[in-house]
Structure formats: C-alpha cells, structure tokens
Amino acid sequence: MSSLCCSEDQLRQQADWMRERQNFRLWCLALVLLFACGLASCSAPQAAQPPPFPTATATKPAPTAIPPTPTETPPPVVSPYIGSQACQECHEEIYAAFQNSGHAWAMIPVSNGEPALPPYTRKLELPEGYEYADVSYIIGGYRWQAMLANQEGMLITAPPHQIAADGYLNQYNLPNITLGIPAGWKSYRSGEQVEIRLCANCHATGGTGEDANAETLPGVQCEACHGPGREHAEATAPEEVKMPIHRERAACERCHRSPDPVAIDPETGLIHHDEIYTDLEDTGHADLECVECHDPHAGILALRFSGAETTLQTCESCHPEQAYAQKVVIHFPMNVECLDCHMPRLIKKASAVVERITGDVRTHQSVIAANRMEQVDSEGNVYPDVGLNYACNHCHAVGGEAAPISDELLLQVASDYHQEIENNPFIEDRPTQQP
C-alpha cells in the first residue's frame, strides 16, 4: 500500500507539474499574441480625419512666389527719379546755368537747421517764435517771396502751437530794387491749414499734389520737364535711352497758368499771381513757343545780374519797323524799351506800387489797345489786350519817371503810334531787317 501511495503522490506531483507547464505555455502564447497585435496596430492605416472648415482663402490659388514672413523687410521701392545732380556729369554747362535759375530753388530743403541758399539770396529771417530747426522747407525764396513749412509738412500760417491767427505775418517778400520796396513780412492765408504737398504741383519733381511722397524731389529739377531719368542714367549706352525734350508751350503751362480765370485784384488793380500763359494765349504771339524767347535752363535773374541778354530774341528781331518808327522820339534817348509799354508789370506776386499801377511781374499780353484806357470792362472782365492806363501811366503817373499826361493826350498819341518820323535824330544808325 505504501508503494502505491508513493506512486500516487508521484503521479499527483507529475500532474501538477504538467498543469503548471501548460499554463506557462498559455501565458507565453498570450504574450506573443498581444505583442503581435501591437505591431499590427502601429502599421495599420489611420482613420480618416474630417475635412477642415472652408475659409475665404481656401479657394484662392497658390501664390506664384513665397510671400515674405512678418520678420522680413520687403525690398525698397526704387524711384525712377534720381535728381538733377545725376545729370551734371554729362551736362555740366547746362547744369551750371540751371543751378543759377529759379527753377532749381522753387522748394529749398532745410537740413539740420540750415537752409541751402540760392544765388543772390541771404539767409531769411523767420517769423516770431520760430527757429530753423522748426522748418523743413522754404517754398520760393529766390526772386519774389518765401513761405515756410514746418516739420509736419504744413505751411506756417500761425505762431507756434496756435491755429487761429488773423493777420499773422508769415510770407517774407524779398526786396524789390526795381520798385524801390524793401524786404518785409506780409500775411498769407493766416490761420489756414495748408499742406505743402499741394505746393508740390509746381515746386517739386516726381510725385506731386495728392501723390507727393518721400520720393518727391524738392524744386523744379531736370526731370520735371524731361521725365524720370534713372533708366537713362544707368543705361550702358545712355544715348540709346532718349529723354524727352518738350518745346511746346503746354510744358510750361502746367505751372505758369492759374486754374482760375484771369482776375484783377480790386485793391491793387493788378492781375493775381502769374497768368503768363493765359496772357500769351490771347495775343498775336499765340503761335510762339515759350522757348523761342526764353532759355528754361537759365531763367532771367541770373542773366540780368551777369549783364547778359535775358531773352533769346528781342522784339526788334521780329518787329524792326515798329521798333524804329515811333511818334514820341524822346523815348529813344530815355532808353524806353518795347516791353516797357507792351509788357508792363501788370501782375503782382509779392510787391506792387498801386499809385503807379505797377506790380512785380510783366504781362505777356503785349498788344496795346490804342483806343481804350481801362483794363477791365463794366462787368469786371479783364480785356485780353493792354489798356493805356497800364501801358503808359506806370511812367506818366504822379510820382512816375515821366510827367503826368491827360487821358485825352494819351489817346491822341497812341493812335497810329508807330509812324515813321522823318529826320529822327535818335535813329541815325538804324539797322536793316534781316531776310
């Protein structure tokens, strides 16, 4: 029995051992299966995600170039304008003449509190309360008058830190030697808010008026008339990139013509500002181009100061008979010129002598109305020709350079004025007309 029990114990132990071995195998198999499932899940395709919510940009085509990131600086915009100094290298003589003209100094920059000074001009005084550090530009300042712009790009029309300023003296009139008027301050649009970019139409080059910007160049530079010059200047063969040359009057009309109808200032009896183009349009000279008489590069003032002829042509060039056939022979020794009567100073830009009906700019009307004294009709319209009041009385007025003459005598003398006078002692060496 004992051997049988031992045998049963051995059998039981063996059965337990077999059972534990079987369980171990099952556990191992389960682990293998779990590991295999894990690998399979890693390589299996992901479930489809829902499509993104459509936006306004979802339907736009892809850009052709990668836009700059917010941290990148976009490339600078290169202006097609380069300034007159770039023209100097090849056009030195013209540039030198141009730098002495009023065009180059139509708008004068002020840098570090110091203005650039045009020829024949001293440093301007400033309105009370201002220093040059407050000024960005001088508008004008070459021949007649000057206005000042502050650092905010506005005309100075009031004292510092003020807006309302009736009668504020903010326009500086240069001395007028011809009229004997000293320099002094006048009021111009006092208290108004005036942006200088509106002055850029005629006082700057490049973007003008509402389009004036940082690339706009101060002054009437070469490119104001000839167009942008960068392509021409940077070309390998500049002569193949032609710059336009405008000889027609329309090129000058842009600035030398006011948009308003010609009007007489009731206080002075003179024409507002400079209606030069309009004057010329209504005369027998309407077919002439401005450049037939004027050199746009040289102006007039510099030529006058140097003693040179101020025009390319004189009246005598086209009208030799009229130049030497005059009733009043005393005009010859007094050096009365054609333009003294035919182009009187009928326009006021800055200064005027009202008693002598004389402004500071000559009219280009040129035709004299020999049968009329007045310049304005009964309805206030300006006649297109010069009345005898303006042609004669700027000299033949009280305080003028000649003795006063009655209207009746002026009308008599003006009738058929250009008559040949026999034995005129003042024209012995009369030139002959050129063919």
Protein backbone atom coordinates (compact mmCIF):
# COMPACT_ATOMS: atom_id res chain seq x y z
CA MET A 1 0.00 0.00 0.00
CA SER A 2 2.85 2.25 0.87
CA SER A 3 4.37 1.79 -2.55
CA LEU A 4 1.02 2.54 -4.17
CA CYS A 5 0.58 5.76 -2.15
CA CYS A 6 4.03 6.91 -3.07
CA SER A 7 3.24 6.19 -6.61
CA GLU A 8 0.06 8.23 -6.33
CA ASP A 9 1.99 11.09 -4.81
CA GLN A 10 4.46 10.97 -7.61
CA LEU A 11 1.67 10.87 -10.15
CA ARG A 12 -0.03 13.85 -8.47
CA GLN A 13 3.21 15.84 -8.46
CA GLN A 14 3.79 14.99 -12.05
CA ALA A 15 0.25 16.07 -12.95
CA ASP A 16 0.73 19.39 -11.11
CA TRP A 17 3.99 19.92 -12.89
CA MET A 18 2.37 19.20 -16.27
CA ARG A 19 -0.51 21.58 -15.44
CA GLU A 20 1.88 24.40 -14.46
CA ARG A 21 3.89 23.82 -17.64
CA GLN A 22 0.71 24.01 -19.70
CA ASN A 23 -0.35 27.23 -18.00
CA PHE A 24 3.12 28.69 -18.63
CA ARG A 25 2.81 27.88 -22.32
CA LEU A 26 -0.62 29.52 -22.45
CA TRP A 27 0.75 32.64 -20.79
CA CYS A 28 3.63 32.81 -23.23
CA LEU A 29 1.28 32.35 -26.16
CA ALA A 30 -0.95 35.12 -24.86
CA LEU A 31 2.02 37.49 -24.55
CA VAL A 32 3.14 36.66 -28.09
CA LEU A 33 -0.34 37.34 -29.43
CA LEU A 34 -0.58 40.65 -27.57
CA PHE A 35 2.82 41.79 -28.91
CA ALA A 36 1.84 40.82 -32.46
CA CYS A 37 -1.41 42.79 -32.20
CA GLY A 38 0.55 45.84 -31.02
CA LEU A 39 2.84 45.69 -34.03
CA ALA A 40 -0.10 45.30 -36.37
CA SER A 41 -1.86 48.34 -34.90
CA CYS A 42 1.26 50.50 -35.46
CA SER A 43 1.42 49.71 -39.16
CA ALA A 44 -2.29 49.87 -39.81
CA PRO A 45 -3.64 52.97 -41.72
CA GLN A 46 -5.03 55.86 -39.63
CA ALA A 47 -8.70 56.55 -39.63
CA ALA A 48 -9.74 59.39 -41.98
CA GLN A 49 -9.98 62.85 -40.33
CA PRO A 50 -12.88 65.25 -41.07
CA PRO A 51 -12.07 67.90 -43.74
CA PRO A 52 -11.09 71.38 -42.49
CA PHE A 53 -13.76 74.05 -42.29
CA PRO A 54 -13.62 76.02 -45.54
CA THR A 55 -12.29 79.61 -45.26
CA ALA A 56 -12.19 82.59 -47.57
CA THR A 57 -8.63 81.77 -48.53
CA ALA A 58 -9.25 78.03 -49.11
CA THR A 59 -10.37 78.62 -52.69
CA LYS A 60 -7.54 81.05 -53.61
CA PRO A 61 -4.90 79.72 -55.98
CA ALA A 62 -1.48 79.09 -54.56
CA PRO A 63 0.79 82.13 -54.83
CA THR A 64 3.46 82.11 -57.50
CA ALA A 65 6.08 83.37 -55.05
CA ILE A 66 6.63 82.82 -51.37
CA PRO A 67 5.49 85.95 -49.55
CA PRO A 68 7.89 87.41 -47.02
CA THR A 69 7.43 86.39 -43.43
CA PRO A 70 6.42 89.13 -40.99
CA THR A 71 10.02 89.38 -39.81
CA GLU A 72 11.40 90.01 -43.33
CA THR A 73 11.82 93.53 -44.75
CA PRO A 74 10.33 93.98 -48.25
CA PRO A 75 12.77 95.20 -50.90
CA PRO A 76 12.96 99.02 -51.14
CA VAL A 77 10.99 100.74 -53.87
CA VAL A 78 13.44 102.33 -56.30
CA SER A 79 12.21 105.70 -57.53
CA PRO A 80 12.56 106.34 -61.28
CA TYR A 81 13.68 109.88 -60.38
CA ILE A 82 17.33 110.49 -59.50
CA GLY A 83 17.70 114.27 -59.17
CA SER A 84 19.47 116.93 -61.19
CA GLN A 85 22.91 116.23 -59.72
CA ALA A 86 23.00 112.97 -61.65
CA CYS A 87 22.74 114.99 -64.87
CA GLN A 88 25.75 117.14 -64.03
CA GLU A 89 28.38 114.60 -65.08
CA CYS A 90 27.39 114.66 -68.74
CA HIS A 91 25.61 118.05 -68.95
CA GLU A 92 27.91 120.19 -66.87
CA GLU A 93 27.38 123.51 -68.67
CA ILE A 94 23.59 123.22 -68.72
CA TYR A 95 23.60 122.11 -65.08
CA ALA A 96 25.67 125.13 -64.03
CA ALA A 97 23.22 127.50 -65.72
CA PHE A 98 20.27 125.64 -64.29
CA GLN A 99 21.60 125.89 -60.73
CA ASN A 100 21.50 129.68 -61.03
CA SER A 101 17.88 129.71 -62.20
CA GLY A 102 14.74 129.97 -60.13
CA HIS A 103 13.58 126.50 -61.16
CA ALA A 104 16.28 124.81 -59.10
CA TRP A 105 15.25 126.73 -55.98
CA ALA A 106 11.47 126.52 -56.13
CA MET A 107 11.47 124.47 -52.90
CA ILE A 108 14.54 124.72 -50.66
CA PRO A 109 15.21 121.95 -48.11
CA VAL A 110 16.34 122.82 -44.59
CA SER A 111 18.73 120.22 -43.17
CA ASN A 112 19.94 120.23 -39.55
CA GLY A 113 18.59 123.72 -39.09
CA GLU A 114 20.48 125.15 -42.06
CA PRO A 115 18.81 126.04 -45.39
CA ALA A 116 20.52 125.74 -48.72
CA LEU A 117 20.85 129.26 -50.10
CA PRO A 118 20.06 130.11 -53.72
CA PRO A 119 22.30 132.58 -55.58
CA TYR A 120 21.90 136.28 -54.75
CA THR A 121 19.95 135.46 -51.58
CA ARG A 122 20.91 135.88 -47.94
CA LYS A 123 19.60 133.72 -45.11
CA LEU A 124 15.98 134.63 -44.47
CA GLU A 125 14.71 135.84 -41.16
CA LEU A 126 11.92 133.78 -39.59
CA PRO A 127 8.53 134.72 -38.15
CA GLU A 128 8.47 135.48 -34.45
CA GLY A 129 8.77 132.38 -32.27
CA TYR A 130 10.32 130.10 -34.92
CA GLU A 131 13.84 128.77 -35.43
CA TYR A 132 15.25 126.99 -38.46
CA ALA A 133 15.06 123.73 -36.54
CA ASP A 134 11.27 124.11 -36.82
CA VAL A 135 11.39 124.48 -40.62
CA SER A 136 11.53 121.64 -43.16
CA TYR A 137 11.29 123.58 -46.44
CA ILE A 138 11.31 127.11 -47.82
CA ILE A 139 8.77 127.49 -50.62
CA GLY A 140 10.24 130.03 -53.05
CA GLY A 141 12.82 132.44 -51.70
CA TYR A 142 14.68 133.02 -54.98
CA ARG A 143 13.17 136.12 -56.55
CA TRP A 144 9.88 137.38 -55.10
CA GLN A 145 8.79 135.84 -51.82
CA ALA A 146 9.18 132.89 -49.48
CA MET A 147 6.82 130.70 -47.46
CA LEU A 148 7.91 128.30 -44.74
CA ALA A 149 6.86 124.72 -43.95
CA ASN A 150 7.06 123.14 -40.52
CA GLN A 151 8.33 119.66 -39.68
CA GLU A 152 4.79 118.26 -40.04
CA GLY A 153 4.60 119.26 -43.71
CA MET A 154 2.25 122.20 -43.20
CA LEU A 155 2.73 125.82 -44.20
CA ILE A 156 3.50 128.03 -41.22
CA THR A 157 0.44 130.26 -41.03
CA ALA A 158 0.23 130.91 -37.29
CA PRO A 159 2.51 131.40 -34.26
CA PRO A 160 3.94 128.24 -32.66
CA HIS A 161 1.31 125.97 -31.09
CA GLN A 162 -1.55 128.13 -32.36
CA ILE A 163 -4.12 127.75 -35.13
CA ALA A 164 -6.18 130.92 -35.27
CA ALA A 165 -4.01 133.85 -36.34
CA ASP A 166 -5.76 136.57 -38.33
CA GLY A 167 -3.22 138.85 -39.93
CA TYR A 168 -0.22 136.72 -38.91
CA LEU A 169 2.85 137.83 -40.90
CA ASN A 170 4.15 134.62 -42.45
CA GLN A 171 5.14 135.47 -46.05
CA TYR A 172 8.56 137.03 -46.50
CA ASN A 173 8.75 139.37 -49.50
CA LEU A 174 12.24 139.82 -50.86
CA PRO A 175 13.42 143.38 -51.56
CA ASN A 176 12.35 144.74 -54.97
CA ILE A 177 15.03 147.05 -56.31
CA THR A 178 13.03 147.99 -59.42
CA LEU A 179 10.07 149.21 -57.37
CA GLY A 180 12.18 150.52 -54.51
CA ILE A 181 10.38 148.32 -51.95
CA PRO A 182 12.40 146.87 -49.04
CA ALA A 183 12.03 143.33 -47.75
CA GLY A 184 9.28 142.67 -45.26
CA TRP A 185 6.68 140.29 -43.90
CA LYS A 186 3.12 140.02 -45.23
CA SER A 187 0.12 137.92 -44.29
CA TYR A 188 -0.74 134.93 -46.48
CA ARG A 189 -3.66 132.60 -45.65
CA SER A 190 -3.12 133.23 -41.95
CA GLY A 191 -4.53 130.54 -39.69
CA GLU A 192 -5.40 128.17 -42.56
CA GLN A 193 -4.26 124.55 -42.66
CA VAL A 194 -2.28 124.20 -45.89
CA GLU A 195 -0.31 121.04 -46.74
CA ILE A 196 2.89 121.68 -48.65
CA ARG A 197 2.30 118.62 -50.81
CA LEU A 198 -0.24 120.80 -52.62
CA CYS A 199 2.64 123.18 -53.41
CA ALA A 200 4.50 120.23 -54.96
CA ASN A 201 2.49 120.56 -58.18
CA CYS A 202 4.78 123.40 -59.27
CA HIS A 203 7.53 123.45 -56.65
CA ALA A 204 8.72 119.81 -56.71
CA THR A 205 9.57 116.90 -59.00
CA GLY A 206 8.18 113.37 -59.03
CA GLY A 207 5.03 112.60 -57.08
CA THR A 208 3.07 115.83 -56.94
CA GLY A 209 -0.09 117.11 -55.32
CA GLU A 210 -2.04 114.31 -53.64
CA ASP A 211 0.61 111.82 -54.87
CA ALA A 212 3.54 113.61 -53.21
CA ASN A 213 5.57 111.15 -51.12
CA ALA A 214 9.01 110.51 -49.68
CA GLU A 215 10.46 110.05 -53.18
CA THR A 216 9.31 113.51 -54.32
CA LEU A 217 12.31 115.76 -55.02
CA PRO A 218 12.21 119.42 -53.93
CA GLY A 219 12.50 122.04 -56.65
CA VAL A 220 11.74 122.03 -60.37
CA GLN A 221 14.53 119.65 -61.30
CA CYS A 222 15.60 118.45 -64.75
CA GLU A 223 13.18 115.52 -64.59
CA ALA A 224 10.20 117.81 -64.01
CA CYS A 225 10.34 118.66 -67.71
CA HIS A 226 12.36 115.77 -69.17
CA GLY A 227 10.73 112.90 -67.31
CA PRO A 228 12.25 110.24 -64.99
CA GLY A 229 15.96 109.80 -65.66
CA ARG A 230 17.11 106.69 -63.81
CA GLU A 231 16.82 104.37 -66.81
CA HIS A 232 18.73 106.85 -68.98
CA ALA A 233 21.48 107.50 -66.42
CA GLU A 234 22.05 103.84 -65.51
CA ALA A 235 21.96 102.52 -69.07
CA THR A 236 25.15 101.09 -70.56
CA ALA A 237 24.52 103.29 -73.60
CA PRO A 238 22.56 106.34 -72.30
CA GLU A 239 22.27 107.79 -75.79
CA GLU A 240 20.01 104.89 -76.71
CA VAL A 241 17.58 105.71 -73.88
CA LYS A 242 16.27 109.05 -75.08
CA MET A 243 14.98 111.68 -72.68
CA PRO A 244 12.00 113.66 -73.98
CA ILE A 245 12.55 117.31 -74.91
CA HIS A 246 9.34 119.31 -74.77
CA ARG A 247 9.43 122.60 -76.65
CA GLU A 248 5.69 123.21 -76.79
CA ARG A 249 4.04 125.80 -74.54
CA ALA A 250 1.95 123.15 -72.83
CA ALA A 251 5.06 122.00 -70.95
CA CYS A 252 5.27 125.43 -69.30
CA GLU A 253 1.51 125.81 -68.92
CA ARG A 254 1.36 123.25 -66.12
CA CYS A 255 2.81 125.80 -63.71
CA HIS A 256 2.70 129.14 -65.48
CA ARG A 257 -1.04 129.28 -65.67
CA SER A 258 -3.51 129.68 -62.86
CA PRO A 259 -6.56 127.39 -62.91
CA ASP A 260 -8.81 130.37 -62.21
CA PRO A 261 -9.96 132.89 -64.83
CA VAL A 262 -7.80 135.99 -65.09
CA ALA A 263 -8.89 138.31 -62.31
CA ILE A 264 -7.95 141.82 -61.26
CA ASP A 265 -7.27 142.41 -57.59
CA PRO A 266 -9.67 145.22 -56.65
CA GLU A 267 -7.24 146.56 -54.05
CA THR A 268 -4.27 146.95 -56.40
CA GLY A 269 -5.84 146.95 -59.86
CA LEU A 270 -3.33 144.26 -60.86
CA ILE A 271 -3.65 140.65 -62.06
CA HIS A 272 -3.45 137.92 -59.43
CA HIS A 273 -0.27 135.84 -59.31
CA ASP A 274 1.18 134.82 -62.72
CA GLU A 275 -1.29 134.31 -65.55
CA ILE A 276 1.55 134.38 -68.08
CA TYR A 277 0.42 131.52 -70.30
CA THR A 278 -3.13 132.84 -70.45
CA ASP A 279 -1.80 136.29 -71.37
CA LEU A 280 0.20 134.90 -74.26
CA GLU A 281 -2.70 132.81 -75.49
CA ASP A 282 -4.81 135.88 -76.26
CA THR A 283 -2.20 137.80 -78.28
CA GLY A 284 -0.68 137.74 -81.73
CA HIS A 285 2.10 135.67 -80.15
CA ALA A 286 -0.19 132.70 -79.57
CA ASP A 287 1.74 130.67 -82.17
CA LEU A 288 5.08 131.20 -80.44
CA GLU A 289 6.59 128.69 -78.07
CA CYS A 290 7.99 129.96 -74.77
CA VAL A 291 11.46 128.59 -75.55
CA GLU A 292 11.73 130.75 -78.66
CA CYS A 293 12.35 133.69 -76.35
CA HIS A 294 13.30 132.07 -73.04
CA ASP A 295 16.04 129.63 -72.08
CA PRO A 296 14.34 127.40 -69.48
CA HIS A 297 17.72 126.33 -68.10
CA ALA A 298 18.98 129.85 -67.41
CA GLY A 299 15.95 131.82 -66.28
CA ILE A 300 16.18 135.61 -66.29
CA LEU A 301 17.54 136.90 -62.98
CA ALA A 302 20.99 135.30 -63.25
CA LEU A 303 21.37 136.59 -66.81
CA ARG A 304 20.37 140.08 -65.73
CA PHE A 305 22.87 140.13 -62.87
CA SER A 306 25.64 138.95 -65.19
CA GLY A 307 24.84 141.64 -67.76
CA ALA A 308 23.83 139.10 -70.42
CA GLU A 309 20.76 139.24 -72.62
CA THR A 310 17.80 137.92 -70.69
CA THR A 311 15.97 136.53 -73.74
CA LEU A 312 17.00 134.59 -76.82
CA GLN A 313 15.10 137.02 -79.07
CA THR A 314 14.18 140.67 -78.77
CA CYS A 315 11.10 142.46 -80.08
CA GLU A 316 13.28 144.04 -82.74
CA SER A 317 14.18 140.61 -84.06
CA CYS A 318 10.68 140.22 -85.47
CA HIS A 319 9.40 143.82 -85.49
CA PRO A 320 12.27 146.06 -86.71
CA GLU A 321 9.99 148.58 -88.42
CA GLN A 322 7.86 149.20 -85.34
CA ALA A 323 10.93 149.37 -83.12
CA TYR A 324 12.27 152.39 -85.00
CA ALA A 325 9.05 154.06 -86.12
CA GLN A 326 7.65 155.90 -83.10
CA LYS A 327 5.83 159.20 -82.69
CA VAL A 328 7.47 160.10 -79.37
CA VAL A 329 11.09 160.35 -80.36
CA ILE A 330 12.14 161.31 -76.84
CA HIS A 331 11.61 157.68 -75.88
CA PHE A 332 14.83 156.77 -77.71
CA PRO A 333 17.33 158.74 -75.58
CA MET A 334 15.41 157.73 -72.44
CA ASN A 335 16.04 154.07 -73.34
CA VAL A 336 12.34 153.22 -73.27
CA GLU A 337 12.17 149.64 -74.50
CA CYS A 338 9.32 147.91 -76.33
CA LEU A 339 8.42 145.80 -73.31
CA ASP A 340 8.09 148.87 -71.08
CA CYS A 341 4.87 149.72 -72.91
CA HIS A 342 3.83 146.39 -74.46
CA MET A 343 4.65 144.19 -71.46
CA PRO A 344 4.16 146.37 -68.37
CA ARG A 345 4.33 144.91 -64.87
CA LEU A 346 0.63 144.20 -64.71
CA ILE A 347 0.94 141.17 -62.38
CA LYS A 348 1.56 141.09 -58.65
CA LYS A 349 3.24 138.13 -56.98
CA ALA A 350 4.62 139.85 -53.89
CA SER A 351 5.01 143.62 -54.18
CA ALA A 352 3.31 146.46 -56.01
CA VAL A 353 3.17 150.24 -56.22
CA VAL A 354 -0.54 150.86 -56.54
CA GLU A 355 -0.20 154.58 -57.33
CA ARG A 356 1.86 153.73 -60.40
CA ILE A 357 -0.26 150.69 -61.37
CA THR A 358 2.88 148.56 -61.24
CA GLY A 359 3.36 145.04 -59.97
CA ASP A 360 6.46 142.84 -59.98
CA VAL A 361 5.86 140.55 -62.99
CA ARG A 362 5.47 141.58 -66.62
CA THR A 363 2.37 140.61 -68.54
CA HIS A 364 2.70 138.79 -71.85
CA GLN A 365 -0.42 140.33 -73.36
CA SER A 366 1.79 142.65 -75.49
CA VAL A 367 -0.96 144.08 -77.73
CA ILE A 368 -1.91 147.64 -76.74
CA ALA A 369 -5.49 148.89 -77.11
CA ALA A 370 -4.76 152.35 -78.53
CA ASN A 371 -8.39 153.49 -78.16
CA ARG A 372 -9.03 152.43 -74.55
CA MET A 373 -7.71 153.49 -71.15
CA GLU A 374 -9.15 150.80 -68.88
CA GLN A 375 -8.09 147.18 -68.36
CA VAL A 376 -11.44 145.89 -67.10
CA ASP A 377 -14.86 146.18 -68.73
CA SER A 378 -18.06 147.26 -66.97
CA GLU A 379 -18.77 143.67 -65.87
CA GLY A 380 -15.34 143.16 -64.32
CA ASN A 381 -13.86 141.07 -67.14
CA VAL A 382 -10.19 141.59 -67.96
CA TYR A 383 -9.54 142.70 -71.53
CA PRO A 384 -7.12 140.49 -73.49
CA ASP A 385 -5.00 143.50 -74.51
CA VAL A 386 -3.27 146.24 -72.53
CA GLY A 387 -5.18 149.44 -71.81
CA LEU A 388 -3.37 152.77 -71.91
CA ASN A 389 -3.65 153.17 -68.14
CA TYR A 390 -1.31 150.20 -67.80
CA ALA A 391 0.79 150.76 -70.91
CA CYS A 392 1.53 154.43 -70.19
CA ASN A 393 0.59 155.52 -66.69
CA HIS A 394 3.09 153.38 -64.82
CA CYS A 395 5.51 156.08 -66.06
CA HIS A 396 3.16 159.02 -66.74
CA ALA A 397 1.59 158.97 -63.28
CA VAL A 398 2.18 161.21 -60.30
CA GLY A 399 5.47 160.06 -58.85
CA GLY A 400 6.40 158.17 -62.02
CA GLU A 401 9.51 158.52 -64.15
CA ALA A 402 7.77 160.80 -66.66
CA ALA A 403 5.45 163.81 -66.47
CA PRO A 404 1.73 163.08 -65.98
CA ILE A 405 -0.34 163.27 -69.19
CA SER A 406 -4.10 163.58 -69.58
CA ASP A 407 -6.15 160.69 -70.91
CA GLU A 408 -7.11 162.76 -73.96
CA LEU A 409 -3.49 163.33 -74.91
CA LEU A 410 -2.57 159.69 -74.33
CA LEU A 411 -5.39 158.53 -76.61
CA GLN A 412 -4.25 161.01 -79.27
CA VAL A 413 -0.61 159.95 -79.13
CA ALA A 414 -1.43 156.24 -79.03
CA SER A 415 -3.45 156.44 -82.25
CA ASP A 416 -1.22 155.17 -85.03
CA TYR A 417 1.77 155.45 -82.72
CA HIS A 418 4.29 153.56 -84.84
CA GLN A 419 4.75 156.13 -87.58
CA GLU A 420 7.91 156.85 -89.45
CA ILE A 421 9.34 160.21 -88.32
CA GLU A 422 11.50 161.97 -90.88
CA ASN A 423 14.89 163.18 -89.76
CA ASN A 424 14.65 161.44 -86.42
CA PRO A 425 17.98 162.36 -84.77
CA PHE A 426 17.92 159.38 -82.44
CA ILE A 427 18.00 156.58 -85.01
CA GLU A 428 20.85 157.54 -87.34
CA ASP A 429 22.32 154.02 -87.24
CA ARG A 430 19.13 152.17 -87.86
CA PRO A 431 19.75 148.50 -88.70
CA THR A 432 18.12 146.87 -91.66
CA GLN A 433 15.69 143.97 -91.32
CA GLN A 434 17.24 140.57 -91.81
CA PRO A 435 15.74 138.42 -94.60
